[in-house]
Amino acid sequence: MTDTPEFLPVSGGQRTVLFVAFPDMGLLDLTGPQTVFWAASKALAECGLPGYLRHTASLDGGLVQSAEGVALQTVPLAAFARVPVDTVVVPGSPNIEQVLARSEPLIEWLRLKAAATRRTASVCSGTFLLAQAGLLQDKRAATHWAMCDLLRERFPSIKIDHDALFVREGPVWTSAGVSAGIDLALALVEADHGHDLAMKVARELVVFLKRPGGQSQFSELLKSQTKDGAAFDELHLWISDNLGSDNLTVEALAERARMSPRNFARVYKQKTGRTPAKAIEVLRLEAARRMLEDSKRNVDQIARVCGFGNEERMRVTFQRNLSISPSDYRKRFAT
């Protein structure tokens, strides 16, 4: 086995896609888009058309272990110094801060290669690597919902789109968390070869070509569990089952949690980072979002089922939290 890949003639119309690997990368961040481009190449070959040349590369080549413990064989990035690369795809890592601290040579490679590449894309927290390379200055971008605050803190000039599954800013594409890399890759294929081919690939992979809603992996229940709020997991599930109730007061929740109202309010804020009233609001908001996306109920019915009482109160809540009305949200995201 050689370190240098055997390249097929670029003149045949094939596009070279380079998947950048590094230690502690997210496995699905990389393999999700790889599978999309593989399926697209297969579909193109059936039509007698050139597909994608796909290569996984790292700084030094050889085996690179993902965060999940799976090692992938890679070729050195230096092997592509004189190879026309169409697309570079950069995965993220669940430990992106540690990755950034030790990845200056990779970041410098990205900075230089992006200037000679038609487009550069990142998946999940791979956005941080593109940002560190200076590719997202004053640009709109997406990343995993749980990392938006960190991205804003480290790179304040970036305009973060919290809801988008992927964002295109000229030659730079970024995506939301993990599985959104599949949505991103499908969009790249669609941009290259049109809707019909991208739809064919989506059908083979049994995924949406355009997934309904925004970052559908975002969940207020899951987000609350990422904090030190495990003690209230059962309470959160109960609240979700009773959002239409008029009696979701601090007193009622405290009784359910077997605590005094005063102690409950203090401990809940300490553990989850928000007040009980705010938690109920965001859980109602999330439930309403799901129903606007997936159900045929009218807005007023959804407002009552989710505990807002009426359409106006729900509208105010949507505007305050999402800067969009329920009706406009449905127009944008309904299946």
Protein backbone atom coordinates (compact mmCIF):
# COMPACT_ATOMS: atom_id res chain seq x y z
CA MET A 1 0.00 0.00 0.00
CA THR A 2 1.34 3.43 -0.94
CA ASP A 3 0.81 6.74 0.82
CA THR A 4 -0.06 8.56 -2.40
CA PRO A 5 -3.49 7.89 -3.94
CA GLU A 6 -3.86 6.95 -7.58
CA PHE A 7 -5.79 9.83 -9.11
CA LEU A 8 -8.07 9.36 -12.07
CA PRO A 9 -7.82 11.99 -14.81
CA VAL A 10 -9.40 15.28 -13.75
CA SER A 11 -10.13 15.97 -17.41
CA GLY A 12 -12.85 13.33 -17.24
CA GLY A 13 -15.00 15.78 -15.29
CA GLN A 14 -14.58 14.06 -11.95
CA ARG A 15 -14.51 16.27 -8.88
CA THR A 16 -12.02 15.52 -6.11
CA VAL A 17 -13.51 15.71 -2.62
CA LEU A 18 -11.04 15.71 0.23
CA PHE A 19 -12.24 14.63 3.67
CA VAL A 20 -9.89 15.97 6.33
CA ALA A 21 -9.26 13.63 9.26
CA PHE A 22 -7.62 14.44 12.59
CA PRO A 23 -7.37 12.68 15.98
CA ASP A 24 -10.58 12.84 18.05
CA MET A 25 -12.79 13.80 15.08
CA GLY A 26 -16.46 12.85 15.09
CA LEU A 27 -16.90 9.67 13.06
CA LEU A 28 -20.37 10.42 11.65
CA ASP A 29 -19.27 13.98 10.85
CA LEU A 30 -16.89 12.41 8.34
CA THR A 31 -18.60 9.22 7.20
CA GLY A 32 -22.07 10.77 6.75
CA PRO A 33 -20.93 13.13 3.95
CA GLN A 34 -18.62 10.43 2.56
CA THR A 35 -21.60 8.12 2.12
CA VAL A 36 -23.57 10.84 0.33
CA PHE A 37 -20.77 11.47 -2.17
CA TRP A 38 -20.28 7.70 -2.63
CA ALA A 39 -23.98 7.23 -3.38
CA ALA A 40 -23.92 10.21 -5.73
CA SER A 41 -20.96 8.75 -7.62
CA LYS A 42 -22.78 5.45 -7.96
CA ALA A 43 -25.88 7.19 -9.31
CA LEU A 44 -23.81 9.25 -11.74
CA ALA A 45 -22.00 6.14 -13.00
CA GLU A 46 -25.37 4.54 -13.78
CA CYS A 47 -26.04 7.51 -16.08
CA GLY A 48 -22.60 7.26 -17.67
CA LEU A 49 -21.45 10.48 -15.96
CA PRO A 50 -18.26 11.14 -14.00
CA GLY A 51 -18.63 11.03 -10.23
CA TYR A 52 -16.57 12.18 -7.27
CA LEU A 53 -13.02 11.12 -6.42
CA ARG A 54 -13.16 10.72 -2.66
CA HIS A 55 -10.08 10.72 -0.42
CA THR A 56 -9.60 10.79 3.34
CA ALA A 57 -6.44 12.64 4.31
CA SER A 58 -4.66 13.82 7.44
CA LEU A 59 -1.53 15.84 8.12
CA ASP A 60 0.79 12.83 8.35
CA GLY A 61 -1.30 10.09 6.78
CA GLY A 62 -1.72 6.66 8.31
CA LEU A 63 -4.32 5.59 10.85
CA VAL A 64 -6.30 8.34 12.56
CA GLN A 65 -8.57 7.47 15.48
CA SER A 66 -11.98 9.09 15.82
CA ALA A 67 -13.55 10.20 19.09
CA GLU A 68 -15.63 7.01 18.98
CA GLY A 69 -12.49 4.86 18.87
CA VAL A 70 -12.65 3.80 15.21
CA ALA A 71 -9.39 4.26 13.30
CA LEU A 72 -9.47 5.32 9.63
CA GLN A 73 -6.67 4.88 7.10
CA THR A 74 -5.65 8.21 5.58
CA VAL A 75 -3.20 9.60 3.04
CA PRO A 76 -1.00 12.65 3.78
CA LEU A 77 -2.43 16.05 2.94
CA ALA A 78 0.87 16.81 1.22
CA ALA A 79 -0.09 14.29 -1.50
CA PHE A 80 -2.67 16.81 -2.72
CA ALA A 81 -0.31 19.78 -3.01
CA ARG A 82 -0.49 19.80 -6.82
CA VAL A 83 -3.87 18.10 -7.20
CA PRO A 84 -6.90 20.24 -8.15
CA VAL A 85 -9.27 19.77 -5.20
CA ASP A 86 -12.89 20.70 -5.77
CA THR A 87 -14.27 20.38 -2.24
CA VAL A 88 -12.71 20.11 1.23
CA VAL A 89 -14.91 18.69 4.00
CA VAL A 90 -13.83 19.23 7.63
CA PRO A 91 -15.52 17.25 10.43
CA GLY A 92 -15.93 18.45 13.98
CA SER A 93 -15.04 16.94 17.34
CA PRO A 94 -16.87 16.63 20.66
CA ASN A 95 -13.65 18.00 22.18
CA ILE A 96 -13.15 20.86 19.75
CA GLU A 97 -11.36 23.17 22.20
CA GLN A 98 -8.60 20.61 22.75
CA VAL A 99 -8.44 19.97 19.00
CA LEU A 100 -8.01 23.70 18.29
CA ALA A 101 -5.19 23.93 20.81
CA ARG A 102 -3.11 21.32 19.01
CA SER A 103 -4.09 21.88 15.37
CA GLU A 104 -2.19 24.96 14.21
CA PRO A 105 -0.50 23.11 11.28
CA LEU A 106 -3.90 21.80 10.12
CA ILE A 107 -5.49 25.24 10.49
CA GLU A 108 -2.69 26.80 8.44
CA TRP A 109 -3.21 24.13 5.75
CA LEU A 110 -6.92 24.97 5.66
CA ARG A 111 -6.15 28.68 5.37
CA LEU A 112 -3.93 28.12 2.36
CA LYS A 113 -5.90 25.34 0.68
CA ALA A 114 -9.20 27.21 0.83
CA ALA A 115 -7.78 29.84 -1.53
CA ALA A 116 -7.09 27.15 -4.15
CA THR A 117 -10.28 25.11 -3.65
CA ARG A 118 -13.69 25.76 -5.19
CA ARG A 119 -15.45 25.32 -1.86
CA THR A 120 -14.70 24.42 1.74
CA ALA A 121 -17.28 22.84 4.05
CA SER A 122 -17.43 21.99 7.73
CA VAL A 123 -19.65 19.67 9.72
CA CYS A 124 -20.79 20.34 13.29
CA SER A 125 -17.96 21.89 15.36
CA GLY A 126 -15.68 21.76 12.32
CA THR A 127 -16.94 25.34 11.98
CA PHE A 128 -14.43 26.26 14.71
CA LEU A 129 -11.54 25.06 12.54
CA LEU A 130 -12.73 27.15 9.58
CA ALA A 131 -13.20 30.12 11.90
CA GLN A 132 -9.71 29.72 13.34
CA ALA A 133 -8.38 29.63 9.78
CA GLY A 134 -10.01 33.02 9.15
CA LEU A 135 -12.54 31.72 6.64
CA LEU A 136 -15.66 32.93 8.49
CA GLN A 137 -14.79 36.51 9.40
CA ASP A 138 -18.03 38.54 9.38
CA LYS A 139 -19.84 35.62 7.74
CA ARG A 140 -23.00 33.73 8.65
CA ALA A 141 -22.41 30.18 9.88
CA ALA A 142 -23.97 27.17 11.58
CA THR A 143 -22.66 24.72 14.15
CA HIS A 144 -24.03 22.24 16.69
CA TRP A 145 -26.75 23.92 18.75
CA ALA A 146 -24.92 23.16 22.01
CA MET A 147 -21.79 24.97 20.77
CA CYS A 148 -23.35 28.20 19.50
CA ASP A 149 -22.50 30.14 22.65
CA LEU A 150 -18.89 28.96 22.58
CA LEU A 151 -18.57 29.87 18.90
CA ARG A 152 -19.94 33.37 19.60
CA GLU A 153 -17.57 33.78 22.54
CA ARG A 154 -14.46 32.76 20.58
CA PHE A 155 -15.37 34.36 17.25
CA PRO A 156 -17.70 37.32 17.91
CA SER A 157 -17.67 38.53 14.27
CA ILE A 158 -19.47 35.38 13.06
CA LYS A 159 -23.22 35.71 12.53
CA ILE A 160 -24.49 32.43 13.99
CA ASP A 161 -27.65 30.91 12.53
CA HIS A 162 -29.01 28.85 15.42
CA ASP A 163 -31.72 27.10 13.43
CA ALA A 164 -30.18 26.36 10.04
CA LEU A 165 -29.12 22.82 9.19
CA PHE A 166 -26.49 24.30 6.92
CA VAL A 167 -25.38 27.72 5.73
CA ARG A 168 -23.72 28.73 2.48
CA GLU A 169 -21.61 31.88 2.40
CA GLY A 170 -19.97 32.05 -1.00
CA PRO A 171 -17.41 29.23 -1.24
CA VAL A 172 -17.71 28.36 2.46
CA TRP A 173 -20.41 26.00 3.74
CA THR A 174 -21.04 25.14 7.40
CA SER A 175 -23.52 22.74 8.96
CA ALA A 176 -25.25 22.09 12.26
CA GLY A 177 -24.59 19.12 14.49
CA VAL A 178 -23.37 15.67 13.44
CA SER A 179 -26.10 14.18 11.21
CA ALA A 180 -26.64 17.59 9.57
CA GLY A 181 -23.46 16.80 7.65
CA ILE A 182 -25.65 14.52 5.53
CA ASP A 183 -28.02 17.44 4.79
CA LEU A 184 -25.00 19.55 3.89
CA ALA A 185 -23.53 16.93 1.54
CA LEU A 186 -26.88 16.45 -0.20
CA ALA A 187 -27.04 20.21 -0.76
CA LEU A 188 -23.51 20.16 -2.23
CA VAL A 189 -24.50 17.34 -4.59
CA GLU A 190 -27.68 19.18 -5.55
CA ALA A 191 -25.66 22.31 -6.30
CA ASP A 192 -23.39 20.26 -8.59
CA HIS A 193 -25.87 17.95 -10.33
CA GLY A 194 -29.38 19.19 -9.69
CA HIS A 195 -32.45 18.25 -7.69
CA ASP A 196 -33.22 14.90 -9.35
CA LEU A 197 -29.85 13.34 -8.61
CA ALA A 198 -29.81 14.63 -5.05
CA MET A 199 -33.31 13.22 -4.54
CA LYS A 200 -32.17 9.85 -5.89
CA VAL A 201 -29.31 9.81 -3.39
CA ALA A 202 -31.62 10.81 -0.52
CA ARG A 203 -34.03 8.01 -1.40
CA GLU A 204 -31.24 5.43 -1.43
CA LEU A 205 -29.97 6.59 1.94
CA VAL A 206 -33.54 6.82 3.32
CA VAL A 207 -33.17 10.43 4.45
CA PHE A 208 -34.91 13.70 3.67
CA LEU A 209 -33.46 15.71 0.82
CA LYS A 210 -34.55 18.77 2.81
CA ARG A 211 -35.27 17.78 6.38
CA PRO A 212 -38.36 19.47 7.84
CA GLY A 213 -37.69 22.09 10.46
CA GLY A 214 -34.38 23.47 11.57
CA GLN A 215 -31.88 21.78 13.83
CA SER A 216 -34.36 19.03 14.60
CA GLN A 217 -31.90 17.38 16.96
CA PHE A 218 -32.31 20.46 19.16
CA SER A 219 -34.44 19.71 22.19
CA GLU A 220 -35.07 21.78 25.29
CA LEU A 221 -35.43 18.56 27.25
CA LEU A 222 -32.06 17.33 25.98
CA LYS A 223 -30.49 20.73 26.53
CA SER A 224 -31.63 20.76 30.14
CA GLN A 225 -30.04 17.34 30.60
CA THR A 226 -26.67 18.62 29.41
CA LYS A 227 -26.58 20.82 32.49
CA ASP A 228 -26.47 19.55 36.06
CA GLY A 229 -30.22 19.03 35.95
CA ALA A 230 -30.59 15.25 35.94
CA ALA A 231 -32.48 15.46 39.23
CA PHE A 232 -35.36 17.07 37.31
CA ASP A 233 -35.48 14.72 34.29
CA GLU A 234 -38.64 13.01 35.56
CA LEU A 235 -40.23 16.38 36.27
CA HIS A 236 -39.43 17.62 32.76
CA LEU A 237 -41.10 14.59 31.22
CA TRP A 238 -44.16 15.16 33.39
CA ILE A 239 -44.30 18.84 32.38
CA SER A 240 -44.08 17.83 28.70
CA ASP A 241 -47.08 15.54 29.18
CA ASN A 242 -49.09 18.30 30.90
CA LEU A 243 -48.24 21.47 29.00
CA GLY A 244 -51.93 22.32 28.51
CA SER A 245 -52.56 22.44 32.24
CA ASP A 246 -53.42 25.75 33.90
CA ASN A 247 -51.72 24.63 37.10
CA LEU A 248 -48.01 24.53 36.21
CA THR A 249 -47.17 26.88 39.07
CA VAL A 250 -44.01 26.83 41.15
CA GLU A 251 -46.08 25.40 43.98
CA ALA A 252 -47.39 22.55 41.82
CA LEU A 253 -43.95 21.76 40.42
CA ALA A 254 -42.37 21.91 43.87
CA GLU A 255 -44.98 19.46 45.18
CA ARG A 256 -44.22 17.15 42.26
CA ALA A 257 -40.49 17.39 43.04
CA ARG A 258 -41.20 16.85 46.77
CA MET A 259 -39.58 20.14 47.74
CA SER A 260 -40.73 23.39 49.29
CA PRO A 261 -41.60 26.07 46.70
CA ARG A 262 -38.77 28.37 47.80
CA ASN A 263 -36.13 25.64 47.83
CA PHE A 264 -37.39 24.21 44.54
CA ALA A 265 -37.16 27.56 42.74
CA ARG A 266 -33.63 28.12 44.05
CA VAL A 267 -32.31 24.63 43.29
CA TYR A 268 -34.02 24.43 39.91
CA LYS A 269 -32.39 27.68 38.74
CA GLN A 270 -29.04 26.53 40.09
CA LYS A 271 -29.20 23.13 38.37
CA THR A 272 -30.77 24.02 35.01
CA GLY A 273 -29.73 27.63 34.49
CA ARG A 274 -33.27 28.96 34.12
CA THR A 275 -36.29 29.67 36.29
CA PRO A 276 -39.22 27.20 36.40
CA ALA A 277 -41.40 29.73 34.55
CA LYS A 278 -38.85 30.10 31.75
CA ALA A 279 -38.48 26.32 31.51
CA ILE A 280 -42.22 25.91 31.01
CA GLU A 281 -42.18 28.63 28.37
CA VAL A 282 -39.42 27.00 26.30
CA LEU A 283 -40.98 23.53 26.63
CA ARG A 284 -44.30 24.95 25.42
CA LEU A 285 -42.46 26.72 22.63
CA GLU A 286 -40.75 23.53 21.52
CA ALA A 287 -44.00 21.58 21.58
CA ALA A 288 -45.69 24.29 19.51
CA ARG A 289 -42.83 24.25 17.01
CA ARG A 290 -43.20 20.50 16.52
CA MET A 291 -46.96 20.79 16.04
CA LEU A 292 -46.60 23.67 13.57
CA GLU A 293 -44.15 21.54 11.59
CA ASP A 294 -46.01 18.24 11.68
CA SER A 295 -49.73 18.71 12.39
CA LYS A 296 -52.68 20.23 10.52
CA ARG A 297 -54.18 21.92 13.59
CA ASN A 298 -54.69 25.65 13.27
CA VAL A 299 -52.55 28.07 15.25
CA ASP A 300 -55.19 28.82 17.88
CA GLN A 301 -55.73 25.11 18.58
CA ILE A 302 -51.98 24.59 18.96
CA ALA A 303 -51.79 27.57 21.32
CA ARG A 304 -54.44 26.03 23.58
CA VAL A 305 -53.04 22.48 23.47
CA CYS A 306 -49.54 23.73 24.34
CA GLY A 307 -50.78 25.83 27.24
CA PHE A 308 -50.39 29.34 25.83
CA GLY A 309 -54.12 29.96 26.25
CA ASN A 310 -54.58 31.85 23.00
CA GLU A 311 -52.92 32.63 19.70
CA GLU A 312 -51.78 36.11 20.75
CA ARG A 313 -49.83 34.87 23.77
CA MET A 314 -48.15 32.23 21.63
CA ARG A 315 -47.31 34.85 18.99
CA VAL A 316 -45.65 37.07 21.60
CA THR A 317 -43.63 34.11 22.88
CA PHE A 318 -42.50 33.15 19.37
CA GLN A 319 -41.46 36.72 18.60
CA ARG A 320 -39.57 37.04 21.88
CA ASN A 321 -37.65 33.77 21.49
CA LEU A 322 -37.44 33.14 17.73
CA SER A 323 -38.13 36.57 16.16
CA ILE A 324 -40.80 35.00 13.95
CA SER A 325 -44.57 34.57 14.19
CA PRO A 326 -46.14 31.08 14.50
CA SER A 327 -47.77 31.49 11.07
CA ASP A 328 -44.50 32.43 9.41
CA TYR A 329 -42.72 29.61 11.25
CA ARG A 330 -45.24 27.13 9.81
CA LYS A 331 -44.80 28.53 6.28
CA ARG A 332 -41.06 28.07 6.56
CA PHE A 333 -40.85 24.70 8.26
CA ALA A 334 -44.09 22.75 7.83
CA THR A 335 -43.71 19.34 6.24
